[in-house]
Protein backbone atom coordinates (compact mmCIF):
# COMPACT_ATOMS: atom_id res chain seq x y z
CA UNK A 1 147.14 71.53 92.21
CA UNK A 2 150.63 73.00 91.84
CA UNK A 3 150.95 76.80 93.21
CA UNK A 4 152.93 79.13 91.27
CA UNK A 5 155.44 81.45 93.36
CA UNK A 6 154.96 84.98 93.54
CA UNK A 7 156.28 86.92 90.57
CA UNK A 8 157.48 89.42 93.25
CA UNK A 9 159.73 87.27 95.40
CA UNK A 10 162.85 85.74 94.16
CA UNK A 11 162.94 81.82 93.66
CA UNK A 12 165.83 81.60 96.37
CA UNK A 13 163.55 82.94 98.86
CA UNK A 14 161.15 79.77 98.28
CA UNK A 15 164.65 77.53 98.62
CA UNK A 16 165.57 79.01 102.04
CA UNK A 17 161.95 79.48 103.10
CA UNK A 18 159.77 76.82 102.27
CA UNK A 19 156.07 76.55 102.61
CA UNK A 20 154.77 76.50 106.06
CA UNK A 21 152.66 73.50 105.15
CA UNK A 22 155.47 71.36 104.22
CA UNK A 23 157.28 72.63 107.69
CA UNK A 24 154.61 71.67 109.63
CA UNK A 25 154.07 68.15 108.09
CA UNK A 26 158.03 67.31 108.49
CA UNK A 27 157.89 68.88 112.27
CA UNK A 28 154.89 66.93 113.27
CA UNK A 29 154.82 64.30 115.69
CA UNK A 30 152.00 61.85 115.24
CA UNK A 31 150.98 60.80 118.76
CA UNK A 32 149.14 58.04 117.22
CA UNK A 33 152.46 56.14 116.12
CA UNK A 34 153.90 56.91 119.02
CA UNK A 35 151.63 55.75 121.47
CA UNK A 36 150.90 52.60 119.14
CA UNK A 37 154.64 51.86 118.97
CA UNK A 38 155.41 52.19 122.54
CA UNK A 39 152.56 49.66 123.51
CA UNK A 40 153.88 47.29 120.98
CA UNK A 41 157.21 47.51 122.24
CA UNK A 42 156.09 47.14 125.74
CA UNK A 43 153.97 44.27 125.35
CA UNK A 44 155.83 42.40 122.56
CA UNK A 45 159.56 43.52 122.72
CA UNK A 46 161.73 42.82 119.43
CA UNK A 47 158.24 40.69 117.97
CA UNK A 48 156.95 44.66 117.46
CA UNK A 49 158.91 45.08 114.75
CA UNK A 50 158.22 41.72 112.92
CA UNK A 51 154.60 42.28 113.37
CA UNK A 52 154.77 46.00 112.35
CA UNK A 53 156.74 44.87 109.08
CA UNK A 54 154.05 42.21 108.51
CA UNK A 55 151.00 44.47 108.61
CA UNK A 56 152.98 47.19 106.32
CA UNK A 57 153.45 44.40 103.82
CA UNK A 58 149.94 43.26 103.51
CA UNK A 59 148.43 46.63 103.39
CA UNK A 60 150.80 47.90 100.60
CA UNK A 61 149.84 44.77 98.98
CA UNK A 62 146.21 45.60 99.14
CA UNK A 63 147.12 48.98 97.97
CA UNK A 64 145.94 50.96 101.14
CA UNK A 65 148.60 53.05 101.13
CA UNK A 66 147.52 55.51 104.11
CA UNK A 67 147.18 52.88 106.50
CA UNK A 68 150.60 51.41 105.11
CA UNK A 69 152.24 54.68 106.00
CA UNK A 70 151.00 54.68 109.41
CA UNK A 71 152.46 50.95 110.06
CA UNK A 72 155.88 51.96 108.41
CA UNK A 73 156.09 55.14 110.96
CA UNK A 74 155.23 52.43 113.52
CA UNK A 75 157.71 50.02 112.63
CA UNK A 76 160.54 52.80 112.55
CA UNK A 77 159.30 53.94 115.61
CA UNK A 78 159.50 50.48 117.63
CA UNK A 79 162.86 50.25 115.93
CA UNK A 80 163.67 53.38 117.29
CA UNK A 81 162.40 52.76 120.79
CA UNK A 82 164.35 49.10 121.06
CA UNK A 83 167.50 51.20 120.36
CA UNK A 84 166.95 53.58 122.61
CA UNK A 85 165.69 50.94 125.49
CA UNK A 86 168.78 48.53 125.01
CA UNK A 87 171.17 49.21 122.35
CA UNK A 88 172.82 46.02 122.80
CA UNK A 89 170.07 43.64 122.06
CA UNK A 90 168.07 45.89 119.20
CA UNK A 91 168.50 44.80 115.83
CA UNK A 92 169.72 46.69 113.12
CA UNK A 93 167.21 48.95 111.66
CA UNK A 94 164.61 47.01 109.25
CA UNK A 95 166.71 43.99 109.13
CA UNK A 96 165.80 40.34 109.97
CA UNK A 97 166.50 39.23 113.57
CA UNK A 98 169.60 36.85 113.22
CA UNK A 99 169.99 33.45 114.82
CA UNK A 100 172.38 32.80 117.35
CA UNK A 101 175.18 31.07 116.56
CA UNK A 102 175.55 27.57 117.53
CA UNK A 103 178.22 26.76 120.25
CA UNK A 104 179.70 23.76 120.70
CA UNK A 105 178.06 23.01 124.12
CA UNK A 106 174.58 23.98 122.48
CA UNK A 107 175.32 21.82 119.47
CA UNK A 108 175.64 18.49 121.75
CA UNK A 109 172.40 19.22 122.86
């Protein structure tokens, strides 16, 4: 349900001071997502991103939007944790892993 702004406050007041519920939602840390992503990264490394992406696609296809939002947050948090852990090894955000180029010495094997 949409609420109308109070008539005694100018509209600029609402732009500069968003409702408290919106601020709380933006600043809220989802500890479940952080815990889950941390465990996935610790146990699976870079595979954590791929697994969370697969779950996100499955749940989106099943129209389970709440669970899909959870896995989207897990995927993004896993990417961030991997980037913080080892910036040179982490893949770019939401991109498929790149295959290593074949060198002449490995091509002969």
